[in-house]
Structure formats: structure tokens, C-alpha cells
């Protein structure tokens, strides 16, 4: 007989074999893999995941895939670097579809990202909710991002470093 605080070992079937790239704890547990973004909960009742729950349910939300950088959150929205590291997507809960949705936040900054990969990033909540990114060539980019105001402004910062 298992107890709620026992360890859990489970294989998550999704039709593909994808590496887990990140975990997010927002309204639900979000599992970001190299091929999809999934909500995970404790089975048919949508309960918490525990050894005593009725299994684990995995519900795909989208099939963009996540890269190697960890996801970062701003308010109730999380950003992640897509598969090959050259696009930034957001992910947030949308009541109208009862699921997590997102958009490509880098669509207007293709000239800054094409042919490059993001190798590091960080988030600064204040003063202006800014995501700082380092490209594979050492260039520094920033994305000032306020989803609730539909603001996303990209900038390239020239430094004398490498």
C-alpha cells in the first residue's frame, strides 16, 4: 500500500520519445520536452501527483519543443527558448481554451536571432521586466516584456567584451 509521500517512478507515454528539458509549476505542473509542452497531474480527477493518486495524466498543450535553457517566469507567464535556441515563446493559461497557450515572442526580432542560438539567459523583474539573453557569438540581447499590456520590445546591446 502506497502512501502519499512515497517516491514515484512512471513512464510518460506521448507517442514520441523526447527528453525532458524543463519543469514549470504554475497552475499545473508543466513538463517541457524537446518535442512538446504538457500539463501533468494526478490522473483522471486532476488531483495532485502522489504515489496514492490514480495514476498520472499527461495532456499535450502544444508541439513546439523546448531547448536546453531553463524556462523563466514573469508574473503568471513563462518564457522558454524553443527547440534549436533561435526563438523565444511564452506560455500562459487561457480560460477561453481551458489550457496553456503561447506565442512566438521573437517574431519581430528575427534579424537578431536568425543564424544564432541563445546560450544563456536571466530575468530581471525590476525596473522593467526584462529578459537578458546571450547569443552564441557573445552578443547581448534584451526583451522587455509585459504580456498583460501586450508589450514586447527587443534590443541589441553592444559591449566591448566577448
N, C-alpha and C. Protein backbone atom coordinates (compact mmCIF):
# COMPACT_ATOMS: atom_id res chain seq x y z
N UNK A 1 0.85 -1.19 0.00
CA UNK A 1 0.00 0.00 0.00
C UNK A 1 0.89 1.24 0.00
N UNK A 2 0.67 2.10 -0.95
CA UNK A 2 1.50 3.30 -1.05
C UNK A 2 0.90 4.45 -0.26
N UNK A 3 1.79 5.30 0.21
CA UNK A 3 1.40 6.49 0.95
C UNK A 3 1.65 7.71 0.05
N UNK A 4 0.99 8.80 0.35
CA UNK A 4 1.08 10.00 -0.49
C UNK A 4 2.50 10.54 -0.63
N UNK A 5 3.34 10.32 0.37
CA UNK A 5 4.69 10.88 0.31
C UNK A 5 5.74 9.87 -0.14
N UNK A 6 5.32 8.72 -0.68
CA UNK A 6 6.25 7.76 -1.26
C UNK A 6 6.81 8.30 -2.57
N UNK A 7 7.95 7.78 -2.99
CA UNK A 7 8.52 8.20 -4.27
C UNK A 7 7.67 7.67 -5.42
N UNK A 8 7.84 8.29 -6.58
CA UNK A 8 7.07 7.93 -7.76
C UNK A 8 8.03 7.65 -8.91
N UNK A 9 7.80 6.55 -9.60
CA UNK A 9 8.52 6.25 -10.83
C UNK A 9 7.47 5.93 -11.87
N UNK A 10 7.50 6.64 -12.99
CA UNK A 10 6.47 6.43 -14.01
C UNK A 10 7.05 6.74 -15.38
N UNK A 11 6.58 6.03 -16.37
CA UNK A 11 6.91 6.35 -17.76
C UNK A 11 5.75 7.13 -18.34
N UNK A 12 6.05 8.26 -18.95
CA UNK A 12 5.01 9.10 -19.53
C UNK A 12 4.94 8.84 -21.02
N UNK A 13 3.83 8.28 -21.48
CA UNK A 13 3.67 7.99 -22.90
C UNK A 13 3.13 9.19 -23.64
N UNK A 14 3.77 9.54 -24.77
CA UNK A 14 3.30 10.69 -25.53
C UNK A 14 3.34 10.45 -27.03
N UNK A 15 3.65 9.24 -27.47
CA UNK A 15 3.72 8.97 -28.89
C UNK A 15 5.10 9.20 -29.47
N UNK A 16 5.96 9.90 -28.74
CA UNK A 16 7.34 10.17 -29.14
C UNK A 16 8.24 10.01 -27.93
N UNK A 17 9.50 9.78 -28.19
CA UNK A 17 10.48 9.77 -27.11
C UNK A 17 11.20 11.11 -27.15
N UNK A 18 10.93 11.96 -26.15
CA UNK A 18 11.51 13.29 -26.08
C UNK A 18 12.16 13.50 -24.73
N UNK A 19 13.29 14.16 -24.73
CA UNK A 19 13.98 14.48 -23.49
C UNK A 19 13.21 15.57 -22.74
N UNK A 20 13.13 15.44 -21.41
CA UNK A 20 12.53 16.48 -20.59
C UNK A 20 13.55 17.61 -20.48
N UNK A 21 13.14 18.81 -20.87
CA UNK A 21 14.03 19.98 -20.89
C UNK A 21 13.78 20.93 -19.73
N UNK A 22 12.58 20.91 -19.16
CA UNK A 22 12.28 21.82 -18.06
C UNK A 22 10.96 21.49 -17.41
N UNK A 23 10.82 21.91 -16.17
CA UNK A 23 9.58 21.76 -15.41
C UNK A 23 9.15 23.13 -14.91
N UNK A 24 7.86 23.39 -14.99
CA UNK A 24 7.29 24.64 -14.51
C UNK A 24 6.16 24.32 -13.55
N UNK A 25 6.11 25.02 -12.46
CA UNK A 25 4.99 24.88 -11.54
C UNK A 25 4.22 26.18 -11.58
N UNK A 26 3.16 26.20 -12.38
CA UNK A 26 2.29 27.37 -12.47
C UNK A 26 0.93 26.93 -11.95
N UNK A 27 -0.12 27.02 -12.70
CA UNK A 27 -1.41 26.50 -12.23
C UNK A 27 -1.34 24.98 -12.12
N UNK A 28 -0.61 24.35 -12.99
CA UNK A 28 -0.37 22.91 -13.00
C UNK A 28 1.13 22.69 -13.14
N UNK A 29 1.52 21.42 -13.14
CA UNK A 29 2.90 21.09 -13.45
C UNK A 29 3.01 21.03 -14.97
N UNK A 30 3.90 21.84 -15.53
CA UNK A 30 4.13 21.84 -16.97
C UNK A 30 5.46 21.15 -17.22
N UNK A 31 5.44 20.16 -18.09
CA UNK A 31 6.65 19.46 -18.48
C UNK A 31 7.00 19.89 -19.88
N UNK A 32 8.16 20.55 -20.02
CA UNK A 32 8.65 20.98 -21.33
C UNK A 32 9.60 19.90 -21.84
N UNK A 33 9.32 19.36 -23.02
CA UNK A 33 10.20 18.36 -23.61
C UNK A 33 10.77 18.91 -24.91
N UNK A 34 11.64 18.14 -25.52
CA UNK A 34 12.23 18.58 -26.79
C UNK A 34 11.21 18.59 -27.92
N UNK A 35 10.03 18.01 -27.71
CA UNK A 35 9.03 17.99 -28.77
C UNK A 35 7.67 18.54 -28.43
N UNK A 36 7.41 18.85 -27.14
CA UNK A 36 6.06 19.31 -26.78
C UNK A 36 6.05 19.98 -25.41
N UNK A 37 4.93 20.61 -25.11
CA UNK A 37 4.67 21.24 -23.82
C UNK A 37 3.44 20.55 -23.25
N UNK A 38 3.52 20.02 -22.03
CA UNK A 38 2.49 19.15 -21.48
C UNK A 38 2.08 19.54 -20.08
N UNK A 39 0.77 19.42 -19.77
CA UNK A 39 0.28 19.56 -18.41
C UNK A 39 0.28 18.17 -17.81
N UNK A 40 0.75 18.07 -16.59
CA UNK A 40 0.81 16.79 -15.90
C UNK A 40 0.10 16.92 -14.56
N UNK A 41 -0.81 15.98 -14.27
CA UNK A 41 -1.46 15.97 -12.96
C UNK A 41 -1.73 14.53 -12.52
N UNK A 42 -2.39 14.39 -11.38
CA UNK A 42 -2.57 13.09 -10.75
C UNK A 42 -3.73 12.28 -11.25
N UNK A 43 -3.86 12.10 -12.53
CA UNK A 43 -4.84 11.16 -13.07
C UNK A 43 -6.16 11.78 -13.47
N UNK A 44 -7.18 10.94 -13.50
CA UNK A 44 -8.47 11.33 -14.05
C UNK A 44 -9.17 12.44 -13.27
N UNK A 45 -8.87 12.57 -11.99
CA UNK A 45 -9.53 13.61 -11.20
C UNK A 45 -8.82 14.95 -11.27
N UNK A 46 -7.64 14.98 -11.90
CA UNK A 46 -6.88 16.21 -11.98
C UNK A 46 -6.25 16.60 -10.66
N UNK A 47 -6.10 15.63 -9.77
CA UNK A 47 -5.57 15.89 -8.44
C UNK A 47 -4.06 16.06 -8.47
N UNK A 48 -3.51 16.29 -7.30
CA UNK A 48 -2.06 16.42 -7.18
C UNK A 48 -1.40 15.08 -7.49
N UNK A 49 -0.16 15.15 -7.93
CA UNK A 49 0.61 13.94 -8.22
C UNK A 49 1.13 13.38 -6.91
N UNK A 50 0.80 12.13 -6.64
CA UNK A 50 1.32 11.46 -5.45
C UNK A 50 1.31 9.96 -5.71
N UNK A 51 2.00 9.23 -4.86
CA UNK A 51 2.05 7.78 -5.01
C UNK A 51 0.69 7.14 -4.81
N UNK A 52 -0.22 7.81 -4.11
CA UNK A 52 -1.54 7.24 -3.85
C UNK A 52 -2.61 7.74 -4.83
N UNK A 53 -2.23 8.59 -5.79
CA UNK A 53 -3.23 9.07 -6.76
C UNK A 53 -3.53 7.97 -7.78
N UNK A 54 -4.53 8.16 -8.59
CA UNK A 54 -4.97 7.13 -9.53
C UNK A 54 -4.20 7.14 -10.84
N UNK A 55 -2.92 7.43 -10.78
CA UNK A 55 -2.10 7.47 -11.98
C UNK A 55 -1.65 8.88 -12.28
N UNK A 56 -0.99 9.02 -13.40
CA UNK A 56 -0.51 10.32 -13.83
C UNK A 56 -1.04 10.58 -15.23
N UNK A 57 -1.65 11.74 -15.42
CA UNK A 57 -2.20 12.11 -16.72
C UNK A 57 -1.32 13.17 -17.36
N UNK A 58 -1.02 12.98 -18.61
CA UNK A 58 -0.22 13.91 -19.39
C UNK A 58 -1.08 14.44 -20.52
N UNK A 59 -1.25 15.77 -20.59
CA UNK A 59 -2.09 16.38 -21.63
C UNK A 59 -1.26 17.37 -22.42
N UNK A 60 -0.95 17.05 -23.68
CA UNK A 60 -0.17 17.99 -24.50
C UNK A 60 -0.92 19.31 -24.69
N UNK A 61 -0.14 20.42 -24.65
CA UNK A 61 -0.70 21.75 -24.86
C UNK A 61 -0.27 22.32 -26.21
N UNK A 62 0.94 21.99 -26.64
CA UNK A 62 1.45 22.41 -27.94
C UNK A 62 2.64 21.54 -28.30
N UNK A 63 3.08 21.65 -29.53
CA UNK A 63 4.16 20.79 -30.03
C UNK A 63 5.30 21.61 -30.63
N UNK A 64 5.75 22.63 -29.91
CA UNK A 64 6.87 23.44 -30.39
C UNK A 64 8.20 22.85 -29.95
N UNK A 65 8.27 22.36 -28.75
CA UNK A 65 9.51 21.81 -28.22
C UNK A 65 10.37 22.87 -27.56
N UNK A 66 11.06 22.47 -26.54
CA UNK A 66 11.87 23.38 -25.76
C UNK A 66 13.35 23.08 -25.95
N UNK A 67 14.15 24.14 -25.87
CA UNK A 67 15.59 23.99 -25.96
C UNK A 67 16.20 23.67 -24.60
N UNK A 68 17.50 23.79 -24.51
CA UNK A 68 18.23 23.39 -23.30
C UNK A 68 18.21 24.42 -22.18
N UNK A 69 17.92 25.68 -22.48
CA UNK A 69 17.90 26.69 -21.42
C UNK A 69 16.67 26.50 -20.54
N UNK A 70 16.80 26.72 -19.24
CA UNK A 70 15.64 26.57 -18.35
C UNK A 70 14.59 27.64 -18.63
N UNK A 71 13.30 27.31 -18.46
CA UNK A 71 12.26 28.33 -18.64
C UNK A 71 12.35 29.38 -17.54
N UNK A 72 11.91 30.59 -17.86
CA UNK A 72 11.88 31.69 -16.89
C UNK A 72 10.47 32.25 -16.82
N UNK A 73 10.06 32.69 -15.63
CA UNK A 73 8.69 33.19 -15.46
C UNK A 73 8.66 34.65 -15.08
N UNK A 74 7.63 35.33 -15.58
CA UNK A 74 7.34 36.72 -15.27
C UNK A 74 5.86 36.80 -14.94
N UNK A 75 5.54 37.05 -13.69
CA UNK A 75 4.13 37.06 -13.29
C UNK A 75 3.54 35.68 -13.47
N UNK A 76 2.43 35.58 -14.21
CA UNK A 76 1.80 34.28 -14.45
C UNK A 76 2.10 33.75 -15.85
N UNK A 77 3.16 34.24 -16.46
CA UNK A 77 3.57 33.82 -17.80
C UNK A 77 5.00 33.34 -17.75
N UNK A 78 5.27 32.27 -18.47
CA UNK A 78 6.64 31.75 -18.54
C UNK A 78 7.13 31.85 -19.97
N UNK A 79 8.41 32.08 -20.11
CA UNK A 79 9.05 32.11 -21.42
C UNK A 79 10.04 30.95 -21.50
N UNK A 80 10.17 30.40 -22.69
CA UNK A 80 11.15 29.35 -22.91
C UNK A 80 11.75 29.52 -24.29
N UNK A 81 12.96 29.02 -24.43
CA UNK A 81 13.65 29.07 -25.71
C UNK A 81 13.25 27.82 -26.47
N UNK A 82 12.76 28.00 -27.66
CA UNK A 82 12.26 26.89 -28.48
C UNK A 82 13.41 26.01 -28.96
N UNK A 83 13.08 24.78 -29.28
CA UNK A 83 13.97 23.73 -29.73
C UNK A 83 15.40 24.05 -30.09
N UNK A 84 15.66 24.71 -31.17
CA UNK A 84 17.02 24.93 -31.63
C UNK A 84 17.64 26.21 -31.08
N UNK A 85 16.98 26.87 -30.15
CA UNK A 85 17.56 28.01 -29.49
C UNK A 85 17.46 29.33 -30.21
N UNK A 86 16.66 29.42 -31.27
CA UNK A 86 16.60 30.65 -32.05
C UNK A 86 15.22 31.31 -32.02
N UNK A 87 14.37 30.92 -31.09
CA UNK A 87 13.06 31.56 -30.94
C UNK A 87 12.68 31.53 -29.46
N UNK A 88 11.99 32.57 -29.01
CA UNK A 88 11.53 32.66 -27.63
C UNK A 88 10.01 32.64 -27.66
N UNK A 89 9.42 31.72 -26.90
CA UNK A 89 7.96 31.58 -26.84
C UNK A 89 7.49 31.84 -25.42
N UNK A 90 6.25 32.35 -25.30
CA UNK A 90 5.66 32.46 -23.97
C UNK A 90 4.63 31.35 -23.78
N UNK A 91 4.23 31.13 -22.55
CA UNK A 91 3.28 30.07 -22.21
C UNK A 91 2.47 30.55 -21.01
N UNK A 92 1.15 30.60 -21.19
CA UNK A 92 0.29 31.07 -20.12
C UNK A 92 -1.07 30.39 -20.23
N UNK A 93 -1.81 30.37 -19.10
CA UNK A 93 -3.12 29.74 -19.08
C UNK A 93 -4.15 30.67 -19.69
N UNK A 94 -4.99 30.13 -20.57
CA UNK A 94 -6.04 30.89 -21.23
C UNK A 94 -7.38 30.21 -20.92
N UNK A 95 -8.23 30.91 -20.18
CA UNK A 95 -9.52 30.35 -19.78
C UNK A 95 -10.41 30.02 -20.96
N UNK A 96 -10.29 30.75 -22.06
CA UNK A 96 -11.17 30.52 -23.20
C UNK A 96 -10.93 29.17 -23.87
N UNK A 97 -9.74 28.62 -23.73
CA UNK A 97 -9.46 27.29 -24.29
C UNK A 97 -9.22 26.26 -23.20
N UNK A 98 -9.29 26.69 -21.93
CA UNK A 98 -9.06 25.83 -20.78
C UNK A 98 -7.74 25.07 -20.92
N UNK A 99 -6.70 25.82 -21.25
CA UNK A 99 -5.39 25.20 -21.40
C UNK A 99 -4.32 26.27 -21.51
N UNK A 100 -3.11 25.81 -21.70
CA UNK A 100 -1.97 26.71 -21.82
C UNK A 100 -1.71 27.00 -23.29
N UNK A 101 -1.52 28.25 -23.60
CA UNK A 101 -1.25 28.70 -24.96
C UNK A 101 -0.04 29.61 -24.94
N UNK A 102 0.43 29.96 -26.10
CA UNK A 102 1.56 30.87 -26.16
C UNK A 102 1.81 31.34 -27.58
N UNK A 103 2.71 32.28 -27.67
CA UNK A 103 3.04 32.85 -28.97
C UNK A 103 4.56 32.97 -29.09
N UNK A 104 4.99 33.13 -30.32
CA UNK A 104 6.40 33.36 -30.60
C UNK A 104 6.69 34.83 -30.30
N UNK A 105 7.40 35.11 -29.22
CA UNK A 105 7.70 36.48 -28.82
C UNK A 105 8.86 37.06 -29.62
N UNK A 106 9.52 36.23 -30.42
CA UNK A 106 10.68 36.71 -31.18
C UNK A 106 10.36 36.94 -32.65
N UNK A 107 9.11 36.88 -33.02
CA UNK A 107 8.72 37.01 -34.43
C UNK A 107 9.15 38.36 -35.01
N UNK A 108 9.15 39.40 -34.19
CA UNK A 108 9.55 40.73 -34.67
C UNK A 108 11.04 40.99 -34.50
N UNK A 109 11.78 39.98 -34.04
CA UNK A 109 13.22 40.16 -33.82
C UNK A 109 14.03 39.11 -34.57
N UNK A 110 13.49 38.61 -35.66
CA UNK A 110 14.19 37.57 -36.42
C UNK A 110 15.59 38.01 -36.84
N UNK A 111 15.74 39.28 -37.16
CA UNK A 111 17.05 39.79 -37.57
C UNK A 111 18.08 39.68 -36.44
N UNK A 112 17.63 39.60 -35.20
CA UNK A 112 18.55 39.45 -34.06
C UNK A 112 18.84 37.99 -33.72
N UNK A 113 17.97 37.09 -34.19
CA UNK A 113 18.07 35.69 -33.76
C UNK A 113 18.47 34.71 -34.86
N UNK A 114 18.10 34.97 -36.10
CA UNK A 114 18.38 34.02 -37.18
C UNK A 114 19.86 33.72 -37.29
N UNK A 115 20.19 32.45 -37.39
CA UNK A 115 21.57 32.03 -37.52
C UNK A 115 22.31 31.96 -36.20
N UNK A 116 21.61 32.20 -35.10
CA UNK A 116 22.23 32.18 -33.77
C UNK A 116 21.43 31.30 -32.83
N UNK A 117 22.06 30.98 -31.72
CA UNK A 117 21.42 30.21 -30.67
C UNK A 117 21.59 30.97 -29.36
N UNK A 118 20.57 30.94 -28.51
CA UNK A 118 20.68 31.52 -27.17
C UNK A 118 21.45 30.53 -26.30
N UNK A 119 22.49 31.01 -25.62
CA UNK A 119 23.29 30.11 -24.80
C UNK A 119 23.13 30.36 -23.30
N UNK A 120 22.57 31.52 -22.95
CA UNK A 120 22.36 31.84 -21.55
C UNK A 120 21.29 32.92 -21.46
N UNK A 121 20.54 32.90 -20.36
CA UNK A 121 19.58 33.98 -20.16
C UNK A 121 19.21 34.12 -18.70
N UNK A 122 18.68 35.29 -18.35
CA UNK A 122 18.26 35.59 -16.98
C UNK A 122 17.11 36.58 -17.04
N UNK A 123 16.40 36.70 -15.93
CA UNK A 123 15.25 37.60 -15.86
C UNK A 123 15.45 38.62 -14.75
N UNK A 124 15.19 39.89 -15.04
CA UNK A 124 15.22 40.97 -14.05
C UNK A 124 13.82 41.56 -13.96
N UNK A 125 13.15 41.33 -12.83
CA UNK A 125 11.78 41.79 -12.66
C UNK A 125 11.69 43.31 -12.63
N UNK A 126 12.62 43.94 -11.94
CA UNK A 126 12.61 45.39 -11.86
C UNK A 126 13.91 45.94 -12.45
N UNK A 127 13.89 47.07 -13.06
CA UNK A 127 12.78 48.01 -13.08
C UNK A 127 11.77 47.76 -14.21
N UNK A 128 12.14 46.99 -15.25
CA UNK A 128 11.27 46.95 -16.42
C UNK A 128 10.93 45.56 -16.95
N UNK A 129 10.88 44.54 -16.11
CA UNK A 129 10.53 43.19 -16.55
C UNK A 129 11.30 42.82 -17.82
N UNK A 130 12.61 42.61 -17.66
CA UNK A 130 13.48 42.39 -18.80
C UNK A 130 14.14 41.03 -18.76
N UNK A 131 14.09 40.34 -19.90
CA UNK A 131 14.80 39.08 -20.09
C UNK A 131 16.10 39.41 -20.81
N UNK A 132 17.22 38.99 -20.22
CA UNK A 132 18.54 39.24 -20.80
C UNK A 132 19.06 37.94 -21.39
N UNK A 133 19.54 37.98 -22.65
CA UNK A 133 19.98 36.78 -23.36
C UNK A 133 21.36 36.99 -23.97
N UNK A 134 22.13 35.93 -23.95
CA UNK A 134 23.44 35.94 -24.60
C UNK A 134 23.37 34.97 -25.78
N UNK A 135 23.74 35.48 -26.96
CA UNK A 135 23.79 34.64 -28.16
C UNK A 135 25.09 33.85 -28.20
N UNK A 136 25.13 32.87 -29.10
CA UNK A 136 26.32 32.04 -29.26
C UNK A 136 27.54 32.82 -29.73
N UNK A 137 27.36 34.02 -30.29
CA UNK A 137 28.50 34.84 -30.71
C UNK A 137 28.88 35.88 -29.65
N UNK A 138 28.27 35.81 -28.48
CA UNK A 138 28.59 36.71 -27.38
C UNK A 138 27.75 37.97 -27.33
N UNK A 139 26.90 38.21 -28.34
CA UNK A 139 26.07 39.42 -28.35
C UNK A 139 25.03 39.34 -27.22
N UNK A 140 24.72 40.49 -26.65
CA UNK A 140 23.75 40.60 -25.57
C UNK A 140 22.44 41.16 -26.12
N UNK A 141 21.35 40.46 -25.88
CA UNK A 141 20.01 40.91 -26.30
C UNK A 141 19.15 41.09 -25.06
N UNK A 142 18.14 41.94 -25.19
CA UNK A 142 17.16 42.06 -24.12
C UNK A 142 15.76 42.06 -24.72
N UNK A 143 14.83 41.55 -23.93
CA UNK A 143 13.41 41.57 -24.28
C UNK A 143 12.68 42.14 -23.06
N UNK A 144 12.17 43.35 -23.20
CA UNK A 144 11.32 43.94 -22.17
C UNK A 144 9.92 43.43 -22.45
N UNK A 145 9.30 42.78 -21.46
CA UNK A 145 8.11 42.00 -21.73
C UNK A 145 7.05 42.19 -20.64
N UNK A 146 5.88 42.67 -21.07
CA UNK A 146 4.69 42.77 -20.22
C UNK A 146 3.53 42.16 -21.00
N UNK A 147 3.22 40.89 -20.78
CA UNK A 147 2.17 40.23 -21.54
C UNK A 147 0.81 40.90 -21.38
N UNK A 148 0.46 41.30 -20.15
CA UNK A 148 -0.85 41.88 -19.92
C UNK A 148 -1.04 43.21 -20.65
N UNK A 149 0.03 43.87 -21.04
CA UNK A 149 -0.04 45.11 -21.81
C UNK A 149 0.30 44.87 -23.29
N UNK A 150 0.57 43.62 -23.64
CA UNK A 150 0.97 43.24 -24.99
C UNK A 150 2.21 44.03 -25.44
N UNK A 151 3.18 44.11 -24.52
CA UNK A 151 4.42 44.81 -24.81
C UNK A 151 5.56 43.80 -24.87
N UNK A 152 6.30 43.85 -25.95
CA UNK A 152 7.49 43.04 -26.11
C UNK A 152 8.48 43.82 -26.97
N UNK A 153 9.52 44.36 -26.36
CA UNK A 153 10.47 45.19 -27.08
C UNK A 153 11.87 44.59 -27.00
N UNK A 154 12.45 44.32 -28.16
CA UNK A 154 13.78 43.70 -28.26
C UNK A 154 14.84 44.77 -28.47
N UNK A 155 16.04 44.50 -27.97
CA UNK A 155 17.17 45.41 -28.19
C UNK A 155 18.47 44.61 -28.25
N UNK A 156 19.39 45.10 -29.06
CA UNK A 156 20.74 44.56 -29.14
C UNK A 156 21.65 45.51 -28.37
N UNK A 157 22.45 44.97 -27.46
CA UNK A 157 23.34 45.80 -26.63
C UNK A 157 24.78 45.51 -27.03
N UNK A 158 25.45 46.52 -27.50
CA UNK A 158 26.85 46.37 -27.92
C UNK A 158 27.75 46.61 -26.72
N UNK A 159 28.67 45.68 -26.51
CA UNK A 159 29.62 45.81 -25.41
C UNK A 159 31.04 45.69 -25.97
N UNK A 160 32.02 45.98 -25.17
CA UNK A 160 33.40 45.82 -25.61
C UNK A 160 33.96 44.48 -25.13
N UNK A 161 33.10 43.67 -24.54
CA UNK A 161 33.53 42.35 -24.06
C UNK A 161 33.36 41.29 -25.12
N UNK A 162 33.63 40.06 -24.72
CA UNK A 162 33.46 38.95 -25.67
C UNK A 162 32.60 37.87 -25.04
